[in-house]
Amino acid sequence: MSEQIARVYVDADSCPVKNEIVSICQELNLSAVFVSSIAHHISVPEGFSHVTVDSDKEAADMYILNHTRRGDCCVTQDHALASILLPKGVNVLSPRGYVYREETIMQMLDARYFSQKERRGGGKTKGPKAFTEEDRSQFCYQFTTILSK
């Protein structure tokens, strides 16, 4: 996207790159809003916002959905949230540095659906692999690239 990033929103409940987000936003003189449920206490440095929402399953997602606009950036691990934000023109990035794209999001949602269906039927599926320093580096690279556009 060629539009300047207006604001960064972070689905913060289980985000492993909060410190990196703060550092990169400070370098680029951008603000960020960290959204978490009341069940997760987080602190953010001065100059950053923290919004606490109900502990309902989708409360953070709904807040982010209702407040983002074209040109914003959202960091989330939630494929469903990403699939709703992409058509709004929001740049969406996972904490592992994966840039969500409209062309591939349906495949990701389908895979998630089939895994959930398998588990409901008593089957076992693989969980996510451990978060690595390579994931952290990839995130920093992609996040800086998106914010620098």
C-alpha atoms as a PDB file:
ATOM      1  CA  MET A   1       0.000   0.000   0.000  1.00  0.00           C
ATOM      2  CA  SER A   2       1.252   3.442  -0.743  1.00  0.00           C
ATOM      3  CA  GLU A   3      -0.684   5.158   2.060  1.00  0.00           C
ATOM      4  CA  GLN A   4       1.207   6.247   5.148  1.00  0.00           C
ATOM      5  CA  ILE A   5       0.563   4.072   8.195  1.00  0.00           C
ATOM      6  CA  ALA A   6      -1.803   6.008  10.414  1.00  0.00           C
ATOM      7  CA  ARG A   7      -1.733   3.821  13.512  1.00  0.00           C
ATOM      8  CA  VAL A   8      -0.614   0.416  14.714  1.00  0.00           C
ATOM      9  CA  TYR A   9      -3.032  -1.889  16.549  1.00  0.00           C
ATOM     10  CA  VAL A  10      -1.763  -4.909  18.461  1.00  0.00           C
ATOM     11  CA  ASP A  11      -3.881  -7.916  19.416  1.00  0.00           C
ATOM     12  CA  ALA A  12      -1.831  -8.025  22.600  1.00  0.00           C
ATOM     13  CA  ASP A  13      -3.099 -10.912  24.737  1.00  0.00           C
ATOM     14  CA  SER A  14      -0.521 -13.413  23.571  1.00  0.00           C
ATOM     15  CA  CYS A  15       1.753 -11.276  21.414  1.00  0.00           C
ATOM     16  CA  PRO A  16       5.423 -12.271  21.883  1.00  0.00           C
ATOM     17  CA  VAL A  17       6.833  -9.192  20.098  1.00  0.00           C
ATOM     18  CA  LYS A  18       5.428  -6.316  22.176  1.00  0.00           C
ATOM     19  CA  ASN A  19       8.899  -4.962  22.998  1.00  0.00           C
ATOM     20  CA  GLU A  20       9.900  -5.015  19.343  1.00  0.00           C
ATOM     21  CA  ILE A  21       6.716  -3.181  18.367  1.00  0.00           C
ATOM     22  CA  VAL A  22       7.424  -0.463  20.926  1.00  0.00           C
ATOM     23  CA  SER A  23      11.051  -0.124  19.835  1.00  0.00           C
ATOM     24  CA  ILE A  24      10.313   0.060  16.104  1.00  0.00           C
ATOM     25  CA  CYS A  25       7.376   2.463  16.588  1.00  0.00           C
ATOM     26  CA  GLN A  26       9.583   4.723  18.718  1.00  0.00           C
ATOM     27  CA  GLU A  27      12.272   4.709  16.018  1.00  0.00           C
ATOM     28  CA  LEU A  28       9.700   5.667  13.373  1.00  0.00           C
ATOM     29  CA  ASN A  29       7.828   8.117  15.629  1.00  0.00           C
ATOM     30  CA  LEU A  30       4.547   6.188  15.341  1.00  0.00           C
ATOM     31  CA  SER A  31       1.914   5.417  17.943  1.00  0.00           C
ATOM     32  CA  ALA A  32       0.482   2.016  18.761  1.00  0.00           C
ATOM     33  CA  VAL A  33      -2.622   0.774  20.538  1.00  0.00           C
ATOM     34  CA  PHE A  34      -2.255  -2.455  22.511  1.00  0.00           C
ATOM     35  CA  VAL A  35      -5.628  -4.182  22.930  1.00  0.00           C
ATOM     36  CA  SER A  36      -5.996  -6.898  25.564  1.00  0.00           C
ATOM     37  CA  SER A  37      -8.697  -8.495  27.638  1.00  0.00           C
ATOM     38  CA  ILE A  38      -9.166  -7.703  31.285  1.00  0.00           C
ATOM     39  CA  ALA A  39      -7.785 -11.190  32.018  1.00  0.00           C
ATOM     40  CA  HIS A  40      -4.332 -10.170  30.711  1.00  0.00           C
ATOM     41  CA  HIS A  41      -2.544  -7.329  32.450  1.00  0.00           C
ATOM     42  CA  ILE A  42       0.036  -5.609  30.284  1.00  0.00           C
ATOM     43  CA  SER A  43       1.873  -2.341  30.694  1.00  0.00           C
ATOM     44  CA  VAL A  44       2.934  -0.073  27.870  1.00  0.00           C
ATOM     45  CA  PRO A  45       5.428   2.782  27.882  1.00  0.00           C
ATOM     46  CA  GLU A  46       4.443   6.416  27.841  1.00  0.00           C
ATOM     47  CA  GLY A  47       3.292   7.533  24.415  1.00  0.00           C
ATOM     48  CA  PHE A  48       1.518   4.239  23.704  1.00  0.00           C
ATOM     49  CA  SER A  49      -2.110   3.369  24.362  1.00  0.00           C
ATOM     50  CA  HIS A  50      -3.508   0.341  26.124  1.00  0.00           C
ATOM     51  CA  VAL A  51      -7.160  -0.551  25.727  1.00  0.00           C
ATOM     52  CA  THR A  52      -8.638  -3.160  28.040  1.00  0.00           C
ATOM     53  CA  VAL A  53     -11.713  -4.984  26.776  1.00  0.00           C
ATOM     54  CA  ASP A  54     -14.046  -7.572  28.305  1.00  0.00           C
ATOM     55  CA  SER A  55     -12.831 -11.138  28.551  1.00  0.00           C
ATOM     56  CA  ASP A  56     -15.349 -12.247  25.906  1.00  0.00           C
ATOM     57  CA  LYS A  57     -13.660 -14.417  23.293  1.00  0.00           C
ATOM     58  CA  GLU A  58     -13.842 -11.885  20.458  1.00  0.00           C
ATOM     59  CA  ALA A  59     -13.831  -8.586  22.400  1.00  0.00           C
ATOM     60  CA  ALA A  60     -10.285  -7.555  21.391  1.00  0.00           C
ATOM     61  CA  ASP A  61     -10.981  -8.497  17.773  1.00  0.00           C
ATOM     62  CA  MET A  62     -14.174  -6.430  17.754  1.00  0.00           C
ATOM     63  CA  TYR A  63     -12.388  -3.417  19.192  1.00  0.00           C
ATOM     64  CA  ILE A  64      -9.651  -3.650  16.564  1.00  0.00           C
ATOM     65  CA  LEU A  65     -12.169  -4.203  13.773  1.00  0.00           C
ATOM     66  CA  ASN A  66     -14.214  -1.176  14.838  1.00  0.00           C
ATOM     67  CA  HIS A  67     -11.247   1.187  15.195  1.00  0.00           C
ATOM     68  CA  THR A  68      -8.904   0.346  12.307  1.00  0.00           C
ATOM     69  CA  ARG A  69      -9.089   2.142   9.005  1.00  0.00           C
ATOM     70  CA  ARG A  70      -7.401   1.948   5.622  1.00  0.00           C
ATOM     71  CA  GLY A  71      -3.657   2.342   5.949  1.00  0.00           C
ATOM     72  CA  ASP A  72      -3.421   1.158   9.566  1.00  0.00           C
ATOM     73  CA  CYS A  73      -1.316  -1.831  10.573  1.00  0.00           C
ATOM     74  CA  CYS A  74      -2.478  -4.658  12.834  1.00  0.00           C
ATOM     75  CA  VAL A  75      -0.305  -7.300  14.496  1.00  0.00           C
ATOM     76  CA  THR A  76      -2.319 -10.455  15.227  1.00  0.00           C
ATOM     77  CA  GLN A  77      -2.074 -14.225  15.185  1.00  0.00           C
ATOM     78  CA  ASP A  78      -5.795 -14.483  14.469  1.00  0.00           C
ATOM     79  CA  HIS A  79      -6.463 -15.555  10.880  1.00  0.00           C
ATOM     80  CA  ALA A  80     -10.163 -14.714  11.137  1.00  0.00           C
ATOM     81  CA  LEU A  81      -9.428 -11.165  12.292  1.00  0.00           C
ATOM     82  CA  ALA A  82      -6.871 -10.808   9.497  1.00  0.00           C
ATOM     83  CA  SER A  83      -9.450 -11.974   6.942  1.00  0.00           C
ATOM     84  CA  ILE A  84     -11.836  -9.198   8.013  1.00  0.00           C
ATOM     85  CA  LEU A  85      -9.195  -6.463   8.187  1.00  0.00           C
ATOM     86  CA  LEU A  86      -7.606  -7.100   4.791  1.00  0.00           C
ATOM     87  CA  PRO A  87     -10.611  -5.934   2.712  1.00  0.00           C
ATOM     88  CA  LYS A  88     -10.650  -2.730   4.806  1.00  0.00           C
ATOM     89  CA  GLY A  89      -7.166  -1.923   3.517  1.00  0.00           C
ATOM     90  CA  VAL A  90      -5.418  -2.680   6.807  1.00  0.00           C
ATOM     91  CA  ASN A  91      -1.870  -4.085   6.681  1.00  0.00           C
ATOM     92  CA  VAL A  92      -1.953  -7.274   8.780  1.00  0.00           C
ATOM     93  CA  LEU A  93       1.123  -9.050  10.103  1.00  0.00           C
ATOM     94  CA  SER A  94       1.616 -12.032  12.411  1.00  0.00           C
ATOM     95  CA  PRO A  95       4.127 -11.943  15.295  1.00  0.00           C
ATOM     96  CA  ARG A  96       6.203 -14.426  13.273  1.00  0.00           C
ATOM     97  CA  GLY A  97       6.511 -11.893  10.462  1.00  0.00           C
ATOM     98  CA  TYR A  98       3.980 -13.448   8.109  1.00  0.00           C
ATOM     99  CA  VAL A  99       2.257 -10.755   6.056  1.00  0.00           C
ATOM    100  CA  TYR A 100      -1.359 -11.784   5.546  1.00  0.00           C
ATOM    101  CA  ARG A 101      -2.647 -11.379   1.987  1.00  0.00           C
ATOM    102  CA  GLU A 102      -6.140 -11.539   0.551  1.00  0.00           C
ATOM    103  CA  GLU A 103      -4.914 -14.052  -2.039  1.00  0.00           C
ATOM    104  CA  THR A 104      -3.949 -16.638   0.606  1.00  0.00           C
ATOM    105  CA  ILE A 105      -6.149 -15.961   3.629  1.00  0.00           C
ATOM    106  CA  MET A 106      -8.930 -18.353   2.541  1.00  0.00           C
ATOM    107  CA  GLN A 107      -6.466 -21.258   2.414  1.00  0.00           C
ATOM    108  CA  MET A 108      -5.359 -20.414   5.947  1.00  0.00           C
ATOM    109  CA  LEU A 109      -8.940 -20.264   7.189  1.00  0.00           C
ATOM    110  CA  ASP A 110      -9.752 -23.568   5.486  1.00  0.00           C
ATOM    111  CA  ALA A 111      -6.757 -25.259   7.117  1.00  0.00           C
ATOM    112  CA  ARG A 112      -7.796 -23.896  10.517  1.00  0.00           C
ATOM    113  CA  TYR A 113     -11.361 -25.105  10.004  1.00  0.00           C
ATOM    114  CA  PHE A 114     -10.281 -28.631   9.066  1.00  0.00           C
ATOM    115  CA  SER A 115      -7.914 -28.805  12.057  1.00  0.00           C
ATOM    116  CA  GLN A 116     -10.706 -27.701  14.402  1.00  0.00           C
ATOM    117  CA  LYS A 117     -13.059 -30.239  12.854  1.00  0.00           C
ATOM    118  CA  GLU A 118     -10.464 -32.999  13.323  1.00  0.00           C
ATOM    119  CA  ARG A 119      -9.980 -32.073  16.991  1.00  0.00           C
ATOM    120  CA  ARG A 120     -13.741 -31.953  17.637  1.00  0.00           C
ATOM    121  CA  GLY A 121     -13.941 -35.461  16.211  1.00  0.00           C
ATOM    122  CA  GLY A 122     -11.341 -36.686  18.702  1.00  0.00           C
ATOM    123  CA  GLY A 123      -8.384 -36.505  16.341  1.00  0.00           C
ATOM    124  CA  LYS A 124      -5.065 -34.877  17.056  1.00  0.00           C
ATOM    125  CA  THR A 125      -3.428 -32.090  15.100  1.00  0.00           C
ATOM    126  CA  LYS A 126      -0.070 -30.410  15.408  1.00  0.00           C
ATOM    127  CA  GLY A 127       0.082 -27.251  17.456  1.00  0.00           C
ATOM    128  CA  PRO A 128       2.130 -24.244  16.462  1.00  0.00           C
ATOM    129  CA  LYS A 129       5.880 -24.673  16.413  1.00  0.00           C
ATOM    130  CA  ALA A 130       7.903 -22.933  19.103  1.00  0.00           C
ATOM    131  CA  PHE A 131       8.517 -19.217  18.599  1.00  0.00           C
ATOM    132  CA  THR A 132      12.151 -18.663  17.565  1.00  0.00           C
ATOM    133  CA  GLU A 133      14.629 -15.806  17.311  1.00  0.00           C
ATOM    134  CA  GLU A 134      14.363 -16.232  13.527  1.00  0.00           C
ATOM    135  CA  ASP A 135      10.605 -15.574  13.839  1.00  0.00           C
ATOM    136  CA  ARG A 136      11.379 -12.464  15.907  1.00  0.00           C
ATOM    137  CA  SER A 137      13.875 -11.220  13.309  1.00  0.00           C
ATOM    138  CA  GLN A 138      11.442 -11.887  10.465  1.00  0.00           C
ATOM    139  CA  PHE A 139       8.767  -9.930  12.332  1.00  0.00           C
ATOM    140  CA  CYS A 140      11.073  -6.948  12.879  1.00  0.00           C
ATOM    141  CA  TYR A 141      12.062  -6.917   9.213  1.00  0.00           C
ATOM    142  CA  GLN A 142       8.479  -7.142   7.883  1.00  0.00           C
ATOM    143  CA  PHE A 143       7.069  -4.715  10.472  1.00  0.00           C
ATOM    144  CA  THR A 144       9.734  -2.109   9.666  1.00  0.00           C
ATOM    145  CA  THR A 145       9.136  -2.617   5.941  1.00  0.00           C
ATOM    146  CA  ILE A 146       5.378  -2.090   6.288  1.00  0.00           C
ATOM    147  CA  LEU A 147       5.731   0.950   8.530  1.00  0.00           C
ATOM    148  CA  SER A 148       8.399   2.532   6.349  1.00  0.00           C
ATOM    149  CA  LYS A 149       6.231   2.563   3.204  1.00  0.00           C
END
